[in-house]
Protein backbone atom coordinates (compact mmCIF):
# COMPACT_ATOMS: atom_id res chain seq x y z
CA VAL A 1 137.71 93.67 65.02
CA GLN A 2 134.72 96.20 64.66
CA GLN A 3 136.70 98.68 62.90
CA ARG A 4 138.39 95.97 60.74
CA ARG A 5 135.29 94.75 59.78
CA VAL A 6 134.06 98.66 58.70
CA TRP A 7 137.62 99.12 56.88
CA GLU A 8 137.26 96.06 54.79
CA GLN A 9 133.53 96.73 54.09
CA LYS A 10 134.19 100.14 52.98
CA GLN A 11 137.11 99.18 50.63
CA ASN A 12 134.58 95.99 49.66
CA SER A 13 132.46 99.00 48.48
CA PHE A 14 135.08 101.16 46.54
CA MET A 15 136.48 98.42 44.82
CA ARG A 16 132.86 97.06 43.29
CA GLN A 17 132.25 100.84 42.26
CA LYS A 18 135.82 100.79 40.40
CA ILE A 19 134.55 97.67 38.61
CA LEU A 20 131.16 98.95 37.90
CA ASP A 21 132.73 102.31 37.09
CA GLU A 22 135.07 101.17 34.22
CA ALA A 23 132.70 98.01 33.02
CA GLU A 24 131.54 98.47 29.26
CA VAL A 25 128.90 95.91 29.81
CA ILE A 26 126.99 95.33 33.13
CA CYS A 27 124.77 92.25 33.54
CA ALA A 28 122.11 92.27 35.82
CA THR A 29 118.66 91.09 36.33
CA THR A 30 116.21 93.53 35.49
CA ILE A 31 114.75 93.69 39.42
CA GLN A 32 118.59 94.29 40.17
CA CYS A 33 118.66 97.14 37.55
CA GLY A 34 116.59 98.95 40.02
CA SER A 35 118.66 98.86 43.03
CA VAL A 36 120.86 101.26 45.08
CA LYS A 37 124.15 99.41 43.95
CA LEU A 38 123.16 100.29 40.02
CA SER A 39 121.92 103.98 41.32
CA GLY A 40 123.53 107.09 39.15
CA PHE A 41 124.29 104.56 36.39
CA ASP A 42 122.68 105.70 32.92
CA PHE A 43 122.57 102.67 30.22
CA HIS A 44 122.07 102.82 26.70
CA GLY A 45 120.81 100.24 25.97
CA VAL A 46 119.39 97.12 27.67
CA LEU A 47 119.43 93.68 25.90
CA ILE A 48 116.91 91.34 27.71
CA ASP A 49 117.32 87.58 27.11
CA GLU A 50 114.73 85.05 27.81
CA VAL A 51 112.18 87.69 27.71
CA ALA A 52 109.18 84.93 27.33
CA GLN A 53 109.93 84.08 31.64
CA ALA A 54 110.23 87.89 32.52
CA THR A 55 107.13 89.74 33.37
CA GLU A 56 106.31 93.15 31.39
CA THR A 57 106.71 95.20 34.91
CA SER A 58 110.52 93.83 35.34
CA CYS A 59 111.32 94.38 31.96
CA ILE A 60 110.18 97.90 32.27
CA VAL A 61 112.37 98.80 35.40
CA PRO A 62 115.83 98.79 33.32
CA VAL A 63 114.31 101.36 31.17
CA VAL A 64 112.52 103.52 33.77
CA CYS A 65 115.36 103.36 36.36
CA ARG A 66 118.32 103.18 34.11
CA GLY A 67 117.13 106.23 31.19
CA ALA A 68 117.90 102.95 28.55
CA ARG A 69 117.27 104.47 25.03
CA GLN A 70 118.00 101.12 22.98
CA LEU A 71 115.99 98.00 24.32
CA VAL A 72 116.34 94.46 22.67
CA LEU A 73 113.80 91.33 23.77
CA CYS A 74 115.83 88.47 23.06
CA GLY A 75 114.62 84.56 23.53
CA ASP A 76 113.56 81.20 21.47
CA HIS A 77 110.14 79.85 22.33
CA CYS A 78 111.83 76.56 21.37
CA GLN A 79 114.32 76.77 24.19
CA LEU A 80 112.06 78.15 26.73
CA PRO A 81 108.46 78.27 26.33
CA PRO A 82 106.61 81.45 27.49
CA SER A 83 105.97 80.89 31.15
CA VAL A 84 104.39 84.15 31.75
CA LEU A 85 100.89 85.22 30.31
CA SER A 86 99.42 88.53 30.06
CA ARG A 87 95.65 90.10 29.23
């Protein structure tokens, strides 16, 4: 039973990695972009939606951790008002 679990975990990990390797677009939270699961990936561009709901610190994670050369910030103040205020 233990060996089967280990085998299934390795197989799941392999399949996840294969899917990420073949993807043209990866959707993730800003913080998840800095996770170990995405280590080894460089992003050409990053699009952050609902940016008025994000902190500056979380927005810089994909740029710093994934080496993004382009950053697009999107948001509609009529949909969700800014909830993060900086001083």
